[in-house]
Protein backbone atom coordinates (compact mmCIF):
# COMPACT_ATOMS: atom_id res chain seq x y z
CA UNK A 1 0.00 0.00 0.00
CA UNK A 2 1.33 3.44 -0.98
CA UNK A 3 1.88 6.12 1.63
CA UNK A 4 -0.52 9.04 1.80
CA UNK A 5 2.24 11.46 0.84
CA UNK A 6 3.09 9.49 -2.31
CA UNK A 7 -0.53 9.83 -3.51
CA UNK A 8 -0.40 13.65 -3.53
CA UNK A 9 0.82 14.68 -6.96
CA UNK A 10 1.11 17.72 -9.16
CA UNK A 11 -1.54 18.29 -11.77
CA UNK A 12 0.87 17.26 -14.52
CA UNK A 13 1.84 14.04 -12.71
CA UNK A 14 -1.85 13.15 -12.26
CA UNK A 15 -2.50 13.83 -15.97
CA UNK A 16 0.34 11.46 -16.86
CA UNK A 17 -0.90 8.78 -14.43
CA UNK A 18 -4.48 9.04 -15.74
CA UNK A 19 -3.32 8.73 -19.37
CA UNK A 20 -1.40 5.57 -18.45
CA UNK A 21 -4.32 4.08 -16.52
CA UNK A 22 -6.69 4.71 -19.41
CA UNK A 23 -4.15 3.21 -21.85
CA UNK A 24 -4.24 0.07 -19.67
CA UNK A 25 -8.05 -0.02 -19.87
CA UNK A 26 -8.65 1.17 -16.31
CA UNK A 27 -11.73 3.29 -15.58
CA UNK A 28 -10.82 6.56 -13.87
CA UNK A 29 -13.14 8.42 -11.49
CA UNK A 30 -12.73 12.06 -10.47
CA UNK A 31 -14.22 13.29 -7.18
CA UNK A 32 -13.67 16.69 -5.62
CA UNK A 33 -14.32 18.76 -2.55
CA UNK A 34 -12.98 21.00 0.19
CA UNK A 35 -12.70 18.23 2.82
CA UNK A 36 -12.29 20.82 5.56
CA UNK A 37 -12.20 18.52 8.58
CA UNK A 38 -12.70 15.04 7.22
CA UNK A 39 -15.95 13.43 8.42
CA UNK A 40 -17.93 10.25 7.80
CA UNK A 41 -19.88 11.80 4.93
CA UNK A 42 -16.62 12.43 3.08
CA UNK A 43 -15.46 8.87 3.66
CA UNK A 44 -18.75 7.46 2.36
CA UNK A 45 -18.68 9.80 -0.64
CA UNK A 46 -15.16 8.74 -1.63
CA UNK A 47 -15.94 5.06 -1.03
CA UNK A 48 -18.96 5.35 -3.30
CA UNK A 49 -16.87 7.17 -5.91
CA UNK A 50 -14.25 4.41 -5.92
CA UNK A 51 -16.95 1.82 -6.66
CA UNK A 52 -17.63 3.63 -9.95
CA UNK A 53 -14.25 2.70 -11.45
CA UNK A 54 -10.78 1.28 -10.99
CA UNK A 55 -8.81 4.36 -9.92
CA UNK A 56 -10.01 7.32 -7.87
CA UNK A 57 -8.52 10.78 -8.34
CA UNK A 58 -9.58 13.33 -5.73
CA UNK A 59 -9.24 17.03 -6.44
CA UNK A 60 -9.01 19.00 -3.17
CA UNK A 61 -9.85 22.69 -3.22
CA UNK A 62 -6.85 24.90 -2.48
CA UNK A 63 -7.09 27.28 0.48
CA UNK A 64 -7.98 30.30 -1.70
CA UNK A 65 -10.84 28.44 -3.31
CA UNK A 66 -12.19 27.20 0.06
CA UNK A 67 -12.19 30.78 1.36
CA UNK A 68 -14.12 31.92 -1.70
CA UNK A 69 -16.65 29.08 -1.40
CA UNK A 70 -17.10 28.82 2.38
CA UNK A 71 -16.37 32.32 3.67
CA UNK A 72 -14.50 33.87 6.55
CA UNK A 73 -12.72 31.51 8.93
CA UNK A 74 -12.39 28.69 6.44
CA UNK A 75 -10.60 26.51 5.77
CA UNK A 76 -9.97 25.13 9.23
CA UNK A 77 -7.11 22.93 8.00
CA UNK A 78 -4.63 24.09 5.38
CA UNK A 79 -4.64 22.56 1.90
CA UNK A 80 -1.69 20.23 2.49
CA UNK A 81 -3.22 18.84 5.69
CA UNK A 82 -6.55 18.29 3.92
CA UNK A 83 -4.82 16.64 0.95
CA UNK A 84 -2.91 14.30 3.26
CA UNK A 85 -6.05 13.31 5.17
CA UNK A 86 -7.85 12.48 1.91
CA UNK A 87 -4.80 10.64 0.56
CA UNK A 88 -4.68 8.48 3.70
CA UNK A 89 -7.98 6.82 2.74
CA UNK A 90 -7.59 3.38 1.18
CA UNK A 91 -10.07 4.10 -1.63
CA UNK A 92 -8.09 7.12 -2.87
CA UNK A 93 -5.41 6.55 -5.51
CA UNK A 94 -4.31 10.12 -6.34
CA UNK A 95 -4.84 13.57 -4.84
CA UNK A 96 -4.21 16.94 -6.41
CA UNK A 97 -4.93 20.51 -5.34
CA UNK A 98 -6.90 22.92 -7.51
CA UNK A 99 -7.70 26.61 -7.09
CA UNK A 100 -10.51 27.06 -9.62
CA UNK A 101 -14.11 27.52 -8.38
CA UNK A 102 -15.14 24.18 -9.96
CA UNK A 103 -13.52 21.20 -11.71
CA UNK A 104 -14.48 22.05 -15.30
CA UNK A 105 -10.84 22.63 -16.29
CA UNK A 106 -9.77 19.39 -14.58
CA UNK A 107 -12.44 17.46 -16.45
CA UNK A 108 -11.02 18.89 -19.69
CA UNK A 109 -7.45 18.04 -18.70
CA UNK A 110 -7.94 14.60 -17.18
CA UNK A 111 -10.92 13.27 -19.17
CA UNK A 112 -11.96 10.75 -16.49
CA UNK A 113 -14.57 8.12 -17.30
CA UNK A 114 -16.73 9.16 -14.35
CA UNK A 115 -17.26 12.40 -12.45
CA UNK A 116 -18.53 11.54 -8.95
CA UNK A 117 -20.53 14.05 -6.94
CA UNK A 118 -22.12 13.71 -3.51
CA UNK A 119 -25.79 13.37 -2.69
CA UNK A 120 -26.09 17.10 -2.07
CA UNK A 121 -26.37 17.25 -5.88
CA UNK A 122 -28.78 15.74 -8.36
CA UNK A 123 -27.98 14.91 -11.98
CA UNK A 124 -29.56 18.25 -12.90
CA UNK A 125 -27.71 20.41 -10.35
CA UNK A 126 -24.12 19.21 -10.86
CA UNK A 127 -22.25 22.44 -11.73
CA UNK A 128 -20.06 20.69 -14.31
CA UNK A 129 -22.91 18.78 -15.96
CA UNK A 130 -22.70 20.52 -19.36
CA UNK A 131 -18.96 19.93 -19.75
CA UNK A 132 -19.29 16.33 -18.55
CA UNK A 133 -21.97 15.74 -21.18
CA UNK A 134 -19.88 17.41 -23.90
CA UNK A 135 -16.83 15.27 -23.05
CA UNK A 136 -18.80 12.02 -22.66
CA UNK A 137 -17.98 11.77 -18.94
CA UNK A 138 -20.63 9.91 -16.94
CA UNK A 139 -21.80 11.76 -13.82
CA UNK A 140 -22.45 9.52 -10.80
CA UNK A 141 -24.19 10.72 -7.62
CA UNK A 142 -22.62 8.73 -4.77
CA UNK A 143 -22.37 8.55 -1.00
CA UNK A 144 -24.99 8.59 1.68
CA UNK A 145 -27.72 11.19 2.20
CA UNK A 146 -26.31 14.58 3.13
CA UNK A 147 -27.26 14.64 6.80
CA UNK A 148 -23.82 15.73 8.02
CA UNK A 149 -21.57 18.58 7.00
CA UNK A 150 -18.41 20.31 8.12
CA UNK A 151 -20.50 23.36 9.09
CA UNK A 152 -22.75 21.23 11.35
CA UNK A 153 -19.69 19.47 12.79
CA UNK A 154 -18.06 22.81 13.66
CA UNK A 155 -21.31 24.12 15.17
CA UNK A 156 -21.51 21.02 17.40
CA UNK A 157 -17.93 21.59 18.60
CA UNK A 158 -18.69 25.23 19.40
CA UNK A 159 -21.80 24.26 21.42
CA UNK A 160 -19.94 21.66 23.46
CA UNK A 161 -21.16 18.27 24.71
CA UNK A 162 -24.32 19.58 26.37
CA UNK A 163 -25.52 22.05 23.73
């Protein structure tokens, strides 16, 4: 089993790895997210994503992008810590950081077979749906129902054990 650190690669290295995997007939899945404090919903999402193919690439939002998406005080953990936590999961094969507001450019660059999104989306609300359709990338909604979030987790910590 590879170390978590060895799974975190540059964008170019992931592109090269994905090309090789596809040449070998492997089905590549791309999942993405902020993963600001890893929780059970993230684990279930990535496990579900892995079941959609042979190799799972996870794009982790860079700190600047998390701040733009989540607001003041976020991220809690810096991008390298979040990337290492995600990379430590058995189902994850490769991790890369990205700063864009969505993964449209990564879909263009990597051309995965499947784009996995969590259950907080539907087939109609996936932000990258149009580009996935244009490139022939299947969109898969995976994971368990969205009844946990980093925001709820942080609120629970702030309230303490007795609310």
